[in-house]
Amino acid sequence: MNLIWLVLMCFSLNCNGLQDSSKWPVVWHLALTLGADVVMFQETHLTIKQERSFGMFAQGFDKFYAHGTSQSGGVLIAVHRSLGLASSVVNYDNGHKLILEVSLQGEKM
């Protein structure tokens, strides 16, 4: 058995709504300034169109969304590409739950 050690800096934030686009660079700046490898935002309340624009602030990240409505829900998980992780969505539930399957060098984590 091969052991793989991976140290991650994770950042998680309940956004309580990001309808005001002036908040977008602020929350991304906070996550990136802290050196986050994995970013998780809950309760984004973003539409699909807004999510595309919101994600533009996180260059170098693979982004996965569970879409909510403009009033509730909305989840984003962003994984930095430098980690070399392969990720895919396993479960998605009305913008309230997002589960990723992650593997490194072909090994599920």
C-alpha atoms as a PDB file:
ATOM      1  CA  MET A   1       0.000   0.000   0.000  1.00  0.00           C
ATOM      2  CA  ASN A   2       1.307   3.425  -0.972  1.00  0.00           C
ATOM      3  CA  LEU A   3       0.724   6.275   1.421  1.00  0.00           C
ATOM      4  CA  ILE A   4       0.119   9.692  -0.041  1.00  0.00           C
ATOM      5  CA  TRP A   5       0.461  12.718   2.202  1.00  0.00           C
ATOM      6  CA  LEU A   6      -1.350  15.832   1.145  1.00  0.00           C
ATOM      7  CA  VAL A   7      -1.620  18.957   3.249  1.00  0.00           C
ATOM      8  CA  LEU A   8      -4.522  21.190   2.300  1.00  0.00           C
ATOM      9  CA  MET A   9      -5.513  24.659   3.363  1.00  0.00           C
ATOM     10  CA  CYS A  10      -9.316  24.741   3.303  1.00  0.00           C
ATOM     11  CA  PHE A  11     -11.458  27.851   3.538  1.00  0.00           C
ATOM     12  CA  SER A  12     -15.188  27.680   4.218  1.00  0.00           C
ATOM     13  CA  LEU A  13     -17.637  30.573   4.453  1.00  0.00           C
ATOM     14  CA  ASN A  14     -21.392  30.875   4.826  1.00  0.00           C
ATOM     15  CA  CYS A  15     -21.920  33.857   2.535  1.00  0.00           C
ATOM     16  CA  ASN A  16     -25.529  34.556   3.505  1.00  0.00           C
ATOM     17  CA  GLY A  17     -26.136  35.684  -0.071  1.00  0.00           C
ATOM     18  CA  LEU A  18     -23.860  37.152  -2.711  1.00  0.00           C
ATOM     19  CA  GLN A  19     -26.442  38.982  -4.813  1.00  0.00           C
ATOM     20  CA  ASP A  20     -24.396  42.172  -4.403  1.00  0.00           C
ATOM     21  CA  SER A  21     -21.513  41.607  -6.833  1.00  0.00           C
ATOM     22  CA  SER A  22     -19.310  44.073  -4.922  1.00  0.00           C
ATOM     23  CA  LYS A  23     -18.889  41.284  -2.316  1.00  0.00           C
ATOM     24  CA  TRP A  24     -17.418  38.870  -4.873  1.00  0.00           C
ATOM     25  CA  PRO A  25     -13.823  40.122  -5.000  1.00  0.00           C
ATOM     26  CA  VAL A  26     -13.846  40.548  -1.219  1.00  0.00           C
ATOM     27  CA  VAL A  27     -14.711  36.916  -0.392  1.00  0.00           C
ATOM     28  CA  TRP A  28     -12.325  35.539  -3.030  1.00  0.00           C
ATOM     29  CA  HIS A  29      -9.541  37.872  -1.855  1.00  0.00           C
ATOM     30  CA  LEU A  30     -10.015  36.639   1.705  1.00  0.00           C
ATOM     31  CA  ALA A  31      -9.818  32.980   0.654  1.00  0.00           C
ATOM     32  CA  LEU A  32      -6.824  33.491  -1.631  1.00  0.00           C
ATOM     33  CA  THR A  33      -4.931  35.706   0.830  1.00  0.00           C
ATOM     34  CA  LEU A  34      -5.156  32.892   3.366  1.00  0.00           C
ATOM     35  CA  GLY A  35      -3.603  30.536   0.801  1.00  0.00           C
ATOM     36  CA  ALA A  36      -6.632  28.303   0.379  1.00  0.00           C
ATOM     37  CA  ASP A  37      -6.234  25.185  -1.765  1.00  0.00           C
ATOM     38  CA  VAL A  38      -9.890  24.263  -1.385  1.00  0.00           C
ATOM     39  CA  VAL A  39     -12.586  26.933  -1.098  1.00  0.00           C
ATOM     40  CA  MET A  40     -16.136  26.153   0.015  1.00  0.00           C
ATOM     41  CA  PHE A  41     -18.885  28.762  -0.085  1.00  0.00           C
ATOM     42  CA  GLN A  42     -22.366  28.023   1.255  1.00  0.00           C
ATOM     43  CA  GLU A  43     -25.603  29.976   0.825  1.00  0.00           C
ATOM     44  CA  THR A  44     -24.347  31.908  -2.203  1.00  0.00           C
ATOM     45  CA  HIS A  45     -27.915  32.568  -3.499  1.00  0.00           C
ATOM     46  CA  LEU A  46     -26.449  33.011  -7.008  1.00  0.00           C
ATOM     47  CA  THR A  47     -28.136  32.284 -10.311  1.00  0.00           C
ATOM     48  CA  ILE A  48     -26.345  30.110 -12.864  1.00  0.00           C
ATOM     49  CA  LYS A  49     -25.391  33.214 -14.865  1.00  0.00           C
ATOM     50  CA  GLN A  50     -24.043  34.941 -11.744  1.00  0.00           C
ATOM     51  CA  GLU A  51     -22.037  31.837 -10.782  1.00  0.00           C
ATOM     52  CA  ARG A  52     -20.062  32.015 -14.023  1.00  0.00           C
ATOM     53  CA  SER A  53     -19.102  35.636 -13.324  1.00  0.00           C
ATOM     54  CA  PHE A  54     -18.424  34.941  -9.640  1.00  0.00           C
ATOM     55  CA  GLY A  55     -16.075  32.081 -10.527  1.00  0.00           C
ATOM     56  CA  MET A  56     -13.948  34.342 -12.722  1.00  0.00           C
ATOM     57  CA  PHE A  57     -12.345  35.721  -9.549  1.00  0.00           C
ATOM     58  CA  ALA A  58     -10.758  32.305  -8.886  1.00  0.00           C
ATOM     59  CA  GLN A  59      -8.379  31.680 -11.754  1.00  0.00           C
ATOM     60  CA  GLY A  60      -6.518  28.384 -11.423  1.00  0.00           C
ATOM     61  CA  PHE A  61      -9.355  26.624  -9.591  1.00  0.00           C
ATOM     62  CA  ASP A  62     -11.727  23.931 -10.809  1.00  0.00           C
ATOM     63  CA  LYS A  63     -15.163  25.036  -9.649  1.00  0.00           C
ATOM     64  CA  PHE A  64     -18.180  22.868  -8.824  1.00  0.00           C
ATOM     65  CA  TYR A  65     -21.624  24.293  -8.096  1.00  0.00           C
ATOM     66  CA  ALA A  66     -24.880  23.122  -6.568  1.00  0.00           C
ATOM     67  CA  HIS A  67     -27.354  25.708  -7.798  1.00  0.00           C
ATOM     68  CA  GLY A  68     -29.825  27.217  -5.400  1.00  0.00           C
ATOM     69  CA  THR A  69     -32.184  30.119  -5.969  1.00  0.00           C
ATOM     70  CA  SER A  70     -31.731  33.857  -5.583  1.00  0.00           C
ATOM     71  CA  GLN A  71     -33.304  33.493  -2.117  1.00  0.00           C
ATOM     72  CA  SER A  72     -31.712  30.338  -0.702  1.00  0.00           C
ATOM     73  CA  GLY A  73     -29.128  27.650  -1.180  1.00  0.00           C
ATOM     74  CA  GLY A  74     -26.188  27.647  -3.497  1.00  0.00           C
ATOM     75  CA  VAL A  75     -22.930  25.837  -2.823  1.00  0.00           C
ATOM     76  CA  LEU A  76     -19.529  26.220  -4.456  1.00  0.00           C
ATOM     77  CA  ILE A  77     -16.473  24.044  -3.993  1.00  0.00           C
ATOM     78  CA  ALA A  78     -13.308  25.225  -5.744  1.00  0.00           C
ATOM     79  CA  VAL A  79     -10.177  23.040  -5.871  1.00  0.00           C
ATOM     80  CA  HIS A  80      -6.849  24.547  -6.925  1.00  0.00           C
ATOM     81  CA  ARG A  81      -5.444  22.852 -10.033  1.00  0.00           C
ATOM     82  CA  SER A  82      -1.905  22.819  -8.626  1.00  0.00           C
ATOM     83  CA  LEU A  83      -2.968  20.005  -6.279  1.00  0.00           C
ATOM     84  CA  GLY A  84      -3.292  17.609  -9.210  1.00  0.00           C
ATOM     85  CA  LEU A  85      -6.574  16.275  -7.879  1.00  0.00           C
ATOM     86  CA  ALA A  86      -9.208  14.832 -10.161  1.00  0.00           C
ATOM     87  CA  SER A  87     -12.665  15.765  -8.908  1.00  0.00           C
ATOM     88  CA  SER A  88     -16.167  14.980 -10.053  1.00  0.00           C
ATOM     89  CA  VAL A  89     -19.617  15.616  -8.627  1.00  0.00           C
ATOM     90  CA  VAL A  90     -21.107  12.577  -6.898  1.00  0.00           C
ATOM     91  CA  ASN A  91     -24.213  14.094  -5.355  1.00  0.00           C
ATOM     92  CA  TYR A  92     -26.119  17.331  -5.755  1.00  0.00           C
ATOM     93  CA  ASP A  93     -29.307  18.288  -3.935  1.00  0.00           C
ATOM     94  CA  ASN A  94     -31.242  21.486  -4.757  1.00  0.00           C
ATOM     95  CA  GLY A  95     -28.350  23.784  -3.945  1.00  0.00           C
ATOM     96  CA  HIS A  96     -28.011  22.573  -0.365  1.00  0.00           C
ATOM     97  CA  LYS A  97     -25.549  19.716  -0.761  1.00  0.00           C
ATOM     98  CA  LEU A  98     -22.582  19.057  -3.035  1.00  0.00           C
ATOM     99  CA  ILE A  99     -20.409  15.977  -2.690  1.00  0.00           C
ATOM    100  CA  LEU A 100     -17.258  15.519  -4.749  1.00  0.00           C
ATOM    101  CA  GLU A 101     -15.311  12.366  -5.464  1.00  0.00           C
ATOM    102  CA  VAL A 102     -11.635  13.242  -5.369  1.00  0.00           C
ATOM    103  CA  SER A 103      -8.664  11.190  -6.490  1.00  0.00           C
ATOM    104  CA  LEU A 104      -4.922  11.742  -6.544  1.00  0.00           C
ATOM    105  CA  GLN A 105      -2.735   9.717  -8.895  1.00  0.00           C
ATOM    106  CA  GLY A 106      -5.684   7.440  -9.567  1.00  0.00           C
ATOM    107  CA  GLU A 107      -6.345   6.721  -5.875  1.00  0.00           C
ATOM    108  CA  LYS A 108      -9.698   7.770  -4.425  1.00  0.00           C
ATOM    109  CA  MET A 109      -9.408   9.916  -1.341  1.00  0.00           C
END
